[in-house]
Each structure stands twice: as C-alpha cells, then as structure tokens.
Amino acid sequence: MPSGMGGLVRYFDEYKSKIKFKPGHIIILCAVVILIMLFLYTYGNSLIGIR
C-alpha cells in the first residue's frame, strides 16, 4: 500500500543539545585559534628545536 505523503518522513521529537554557544563565543574562539596559528607559524620551529 503506497504512502500518501510522497516519501516524506516527519519526526516530532526534536533533538535539544545540552551545549549552546552564543555567536560572540564562536567569534572569540575563531580569533584565539587564528592567534595560536600565527604564533606557531612564527615561533613554532624554534620551540621544537628545528632550525
């Protein structure tokens, strides 16, 4: 017997994450990652002893 919804599936249980981030936190996290990468590109070789 074919379904009358054209193959669409509806889910009524929405998943609610316990971890929520504000947009400002994501921007700060990206800035921190960029600063760490710049530091490592600049001083990384001397920190691990490669010349």
PDB file of N, CA and C in Angstrom:
ATOM      1  N   MET A   1       0.840  -1.165   0.000  1.00  0.00           N
ATOM      2  CA  MET A   1       0.000   0.000   0.000  1.00  0.00           C
ATOM      3  C   MET A   1       0.901   1.249   0.000  1.00  0.00           C
ATOM      4  N   PRO A   2       0.808   2.109  -0.981  1.00  0.00           N
ATOM      5  CA  PRO A   2       1.670   3.296  -1.035  1.00  0.00           C
ATOM      6  C   PRO A   2       1.288   4.322   0.028  1.00  0.00           C
ATOM      7  N   SER A   3       2.292   5.050   0.450  1.00  0.00           N
ATOM      8  CA  SER A   3       2.024   6.085   1.446  1.00  0.00           C
ATOM      9  C   SER A   3       1.477   7.324   0.749  1.00  0.00           C
ATOM     10  N   GLY A   4       0.717   8.126   1.482  1.00  0.00           N
ATOM     11  CA  GLY A   4       0.105   9.301   0.897  1.00  0.00           C
ATOM     12  C   GLY A   4       0.935  10.555   1.042  1.00  0.00           C
ATOM     13  N   MET A   5       2.159  10.454   1.590  1.00  0.00           N
ATOM     14  CA  MET A   5       2.966  11.656   1.835  1.00  0.00           C
ATOM     15  C   MET A   5       4.100  11.806   0.828  1.00  0.00           C
ATOM     16  N   GLY A   6       4.175  10.978  -0.167  1.00  0.00           N
ATOM     17  CA  GLY A   6       5.191  11.123  -1.211  1.00  0.00           C
ATOM     18  C   GLY A   6       6.594  10.808  -0.731  1.00  0.00           C
ATOM     19  N   GLY A   7       6.758   9.951   0.255  1.00  0.00           N
ATOM     20  CA  GLY A   7       8.069   9.560   0.745  1.00  0.00           C
ATOM     21  C   GLY A   7       8.648  10.488   1.790  1.00  0.00           C
ATOM     22  N   LEU A   8       7.913  11.497   2.213  1.00  0.00           N
ATOM     23  CA  LEU A   8       8.405  12.406   3.241  1.00  0.00           C
ATOM     24  C   LEU A   8       8.211  11.780   4.620  1.00  0.00           C
ATOM     25  N   VAL A   9       9.201  11.962   5.460  1.00  0.00           N
ATOM     26  CA  VAL A   9       9.136  11.427   6.809  1.00  0.00           C
ATOM     27  C   VAL A   9       9.108  12.597   7.778  1.00  0.00           C
ATOM     28  N   ARG A  10       8.202  12.559   8.722  1.00  0.00           N
ATOM     29  CA  ARG A  10       8.105  13.638   9.713  1.00  0.00           C
ATOM     30  C   ARG A  10       8.544  13.092  11.066  1.00  0.00           C
ATOM     31  N   TYR A  11       9.400  13.835  11.730  1.00  0.00           N
ATOM     32  CA  TYR A  11       9.870  13.480  13.054  1.00  0.00           C
ATOM     33  C   TYR A  11       9.354  14.527  14.037  1.00  0.00           C
ATOM     34  N   PHE A  12       8.713  14.094  15.083  1.00  0.00           N
ATOM     35  CA  PHE A  12       8.149  15.017  16.051  1.00  0.00           C
ATOM     36  C   PHE A  12       9.061  15.233  17.248  1.00  0.00           C
ATOM     37  N   ASP A  13      10.016  14.348  17.452  1.00  0.00           N
ATOM     38  CA  ASP A  13      10.963  14.503  18.564  1.00  0.00           C
ATOM     39  C   ASP A  13      12.148  15.322  18.077  1.00  0.00           C
ATOM     40  N   GLU A  14      12.224  16.554  18.534  1.00  0.00           N
ATOM     41  CA  GLU A  14      13.357  17.394  18.159  1.00  0.00           C
ATOM     42  C   GLU A  14      14.486  17.180  19.141  1.00  0.00           C
ATOM     43  N   TYR A  15      15.701  17.155  18.614  1.00  0.00           N
ATOM     44  CA  TYR A  15      16.870  16.964  19.456  1.00  0.00           C
ATOM     45  C   TYR A  15      17.290  18.304  20.032  1.00  0.00           C
ATOM     46  N   LYS A  16      17.403  18.374  21.333  1.00  0.00           N
ATOM     47  CA  LYS A  16      17.858  19.588  22.021  1.00  0.00           C
ATOM     48  C   LYS A  16      19.256  19.319  22.573  1.00  0.00           C
ATOM     49  N   SER A  17      20.220  20.099  22.105  1.00  0.00           N
ATOM     50  CA  SER A  17      21.585  19.941  22.572  1.00  0.00           C
ATOM     51  C   SER A  17      21.742  20.553  23.961  1.00  0.00           C
ATOM     52  N   LYS A  18      22.566  19.926  24.772  1.00  0.00           N
ATOM     53  CA  LYS A  18      22.843  20.450  26.111  1.00  0.00           C
ATOM     54  C   LYS A  18      23.888  21.555  26.062  1.00  0.00           C
ATOM     55  N   ILE A  19      24.656  21.604  24.969  1.00  0.00           N
ATOM     56  CA  ILE A  19      25.704  22.605  24.816  1.00  0.00           C
ATOM     57  C   ILE A  19      25.189  23.681  23.865  1.00  0.00           C
ATOM     58  N   LYS A  20      25.164  24.912  24.330  1.00  0.00           N
ATOM     59  CA  LYS A  20      24.716  26.010  23.484  1.00  0.00           C
ATOM     60  C   LYS A  20      25.790  27.094  23.466  1.00  0.00           C
ATOM     61  N   PHE A  21      26.102  27.596  22.279  1.00  0.00           N
ATOM     62  CA  PHE A  21      27.100  28.641  22.114  1.00  0.00           C
ATOM     63  C   PHE A  21      26.416  29.895  21.604  1.00  0.00           C
ATOM     64  N   LYS A  22      26.853  31.024  22.115  1.00  0.00           N
ATOM     65  CA  LYS A  22      26.401  32.305  21.588  1.00  0.00           C
ATOM     66  C   LYS A  22      27.313  32.676  20.416  1.00  0.00           C
ATOM     67  N   PRO A  23      26.825  33.481  19.486  1.00  0.00           N
ATOM     68  CA  PRO A  23      27.669  33.867  18.338  1.00  0.00           C
ATOM     69  C   PRO A  23      28.959  34.576  18.749  1.00  0.00           C
ATOM     70  N   GLY A  24      28.921  35.350  19.830  1.00  0.00           N
ATOM     71  CA  GLY A  24      30.128  36.028  20.300  1.00  0.00           C
ATOM     72  C   GLY A  24      31.196  35.056  20.750  1.00  0.00           C
ATOM     73  N   HIS A  25      30.774  33.944  21.354  1.00  0.00           N
ATOM     74  CA  HIS A  25      31.742  32.932  21.788  1.00  0.00           C
ATOM     75  C   HIS A  25      32.434  32.284  20.598  1.00  0.00           C
ATOM     76  N   ILE A  26      31.702  32.062  19.525  1.00  0.00           N
ATOM     77  CA  ILE A  26      32.296  31.454  18.335  1.00  0.00           C
ATOM     78  C   ILE A  26      33.308  32.400  17.693  1.00  0.00           C
ATOM     79  N   ILE A  27      32.991  33.685  17.652  1.00  0.00           N
ATOM     80  CA  ILE A  27      33.917  34.667  17.078  1.00  0.00           C
ATOM     81  C   ILE A  27      35.192  34.739  17.906  1.00  0.00           C
ATOM     82  N   ILE A  28      35.063  34.741  19.233  1.00  0.00           N
ATOM     83  CA  ILE A  28      36.241  34.778  20.111  1.00  0.00           C
ATOM     84  C   ILE A  28      37.065  33.508  19.942  1.00  0.00           C
ATOM     85  N   LEU A  29      36.408  32.362  19.839  1.00  0.00           N
ATOM     86  CA  LEU A  29      37.128  31.097  19.657  1.00  0.00           C
ATOM     87  C   LEU A  29      37.906  31.105  18.339  1.00  0.00           C
ATOM     88  N   CYS A  30      37.298  31.607  17.269  1.00  0.00           N
ATOM     89  CA  CYS A  30      37.996  31.688  15.985  1.00  0.00           C
ATOM     90  C   CYS A  30      39.195  32.622  16.071  1.00  0.00           C
ATOM     91  N   ALA A  31      39.038  33.754  16.751  1.00  0.00           N
ATOM     92  CA  ALA A  31      40.150  34.694  16.899  1.00  0.00           C
ATOM     93  C   ALA A  31      41.294  34.070  17.688  1.00  0.00           C
ATOM     94  N   VAL A  32      40.977  33.321  18.731  1.00  0.00           N
ATOM     95  CA  VAL A  32      42.016  32.661  19.532  1.00  0.00           C
ATOM     96  C   VAL A  32      42.745  31.614  18.697  1.00  0.00           C
ATOM     97  N   VAL A  33      42.011  30.846  17.901  1.00  0.00           N
ATOM     98  CA  VAL A  33      42.650  29.834  17.050  1.00  0.00           C
ATOM     99  C   VAL A  33      43.558  30.505  16.023  1.00  0.00           C
ATOM    100  N   ILE A  34      43.115  31.612  15.442  1.00  0.00           N
ATOM    101  CA  ILE A  34      43.954  32.335  14.467  1.00  0.00           C
ATOM    102  C   ILE A  34      45.218  32.861  15.131  1.00  0.00           C
ATOM    103  N   LEU A  35      45.095  33.412  16.339  1.00  0.00           N
ATOM    104  CA  LEU A  35      46.281  33.908  17.045  1.00  0.00           C
ATOM    105  C   LEU A  35      47.250  32.780  17.382  1.00  0.00           C
ATOM    106  N   ILE A  36      46.739  31.634  17.801  1.00  0.00           N
ATOM    107  CA  ILE A  36      47.613  30.486  18.096  1.00  0.00           C
ATOM    108  C   ILE A  36      48.322  30.031  16.829  1.00  0.00           C
ATOM    109  N   MET A  37      47.596  29.984  15.704  1.00  0.00           N
ATOM    110  CA  MET A  37      48.225  29.568  14.452  1.00  0.00           C
ATOM    111  C   MET A  37      49.300  30.557  14.011  1.00  0.00           C
ATOM    112  N   LEU A  38      49.039  31.847  14.135  1.00  0.00           N
ATOM    113  CA  LEU A  38      50.053  32.845  13.782  1.00  0.00           C
ATOM    114  C   LEU A  38      51.285  32.718  14.665  1.00  0.00           C
ATOM    115  N   PHE A  39      51.075  32.487  15.955  1.00  0.00           N
ATOM    116  CA  PHE A  39      52.197  32.306  16.871  1.00  0.00           C
ATOM    117  C   PHE A  39      53.016  31.078  16.488  1.00  0.00           C
ATOM    118  N   LEU A  40      52.329  29.981  16.177  1.00  0.00           N
ATOM    119  CA  LEU A  40      53.055  28.759  15.827  1.00  0.00           C
ATOM    120  C   LEU A  40      53.770  28.889  14.487  1.00  0.00           C
ATOM    121  N   TYR A  41      53.169  29.575  13.511  1.00  0.00           N
ATOM    122  CA  TYR A  41      53.862  29.793  12.241  1.00  0.00           C
ATOM    123  C   TYR A  41      55.104  30.649  12.430  1.00  0.00           C
ATOM    124  N   THR A  42      55.042  31.577  13.371  1.00  0.00           N
ATOM    125  CA  THR A  42      56.166  32.481  13.577  1.00  0.00           C
ATOM    126  C   THR A  42      57.254  31.852  14.439  1.00  0.00           C
ATOM    127  N   TYR A  43      56.869  31.266  15.574  1.00  0.00           N
ATOM    128  CA  TYR A  43      57.846  30.783  16.553  1.00  0.00           C
ATOM    129  C   TYR A  43      57.846  29.270  16.725  1.00  0.00           C
ATOM    130  N   GLY A  44      57.075  28.546  15.967  1.00  0.00           N
ATOM    131  CA  GLY A  44      56.939  27.102  16.161  1.00  0.00           C
ATOM    132  C   GLY A  44      58.215  26.319  15.944  1.00  0.00           C
ATOM    133  N   ASN A  45      58.954  26.667  14.888  1.00  0.00           N
ATOM    134  CA  ASN A  45      60.191  25.921  14.605  1.00  0.00           C
ATOM    135  C   ASN A  45      61.211  26.085  15.715  1.00  0.00           C
ATOM    136  N   SER A  46      61.331  27.281  16.269  1.00  0.00           N
ATOM    137  CA  SER A  46      62.308  27.468  17.347  1.00  0.00           C
ATOM    138  C   SER A  46      61.837  26.813  18.645  1.00  0.00           C
ATOM    139  N   LEU A  47      60.550  26.646  18.836  1.00  0.00           N
ATOM    140  CA  LEU A  47      60.049  25.999  20.049  1.00  0.00           C
ATOM    141  C   LEU A  47      60.346  24.514  20.060  1.00  0.00           C
ATOM    142  N   ILE A  48      60.300  23.852  18.893  1.00  0.00           N
ATOM    143  CA  ILE A  48      60.534  22.416  18.877  1.00  0.00           C
ATOM    144  C   ILE A  48      61.959  22.078  18.462  1.00  0.00           C
ATOM    145  N   GLY A  49      62.795  23.075  18.220  1.00  0.00           N
ATOM    146  CA  GLY A  49      64.222  22.844  18.003  1.00  0.00           C
ATOM    147  C   GLY A  49      64.635  22.665  16.567  1.00  0.00           C
ATOM    148  N   ILE A  50      63.772  22.896  15.602  1.00  0.00           N
ATOM    149  CA  ILE A  50      64.141  22.797  14.194  1.00  0.00           C
ATOM    150  C   ILE A  50      64.611  24.167  13.721  1.00  0.00           C
ATOM    151  N   ARG A  51      65.743  24.211  13.045  1.00  0.00           N
ATOM    152  CA  ARG A  51      66.276  25.494  12.589  1.00  0.00           C
ATOM    153  C   ARG A  51      66.142  25.628  11.114  1.00  0.00           C
TER     154      ARG A  51
END
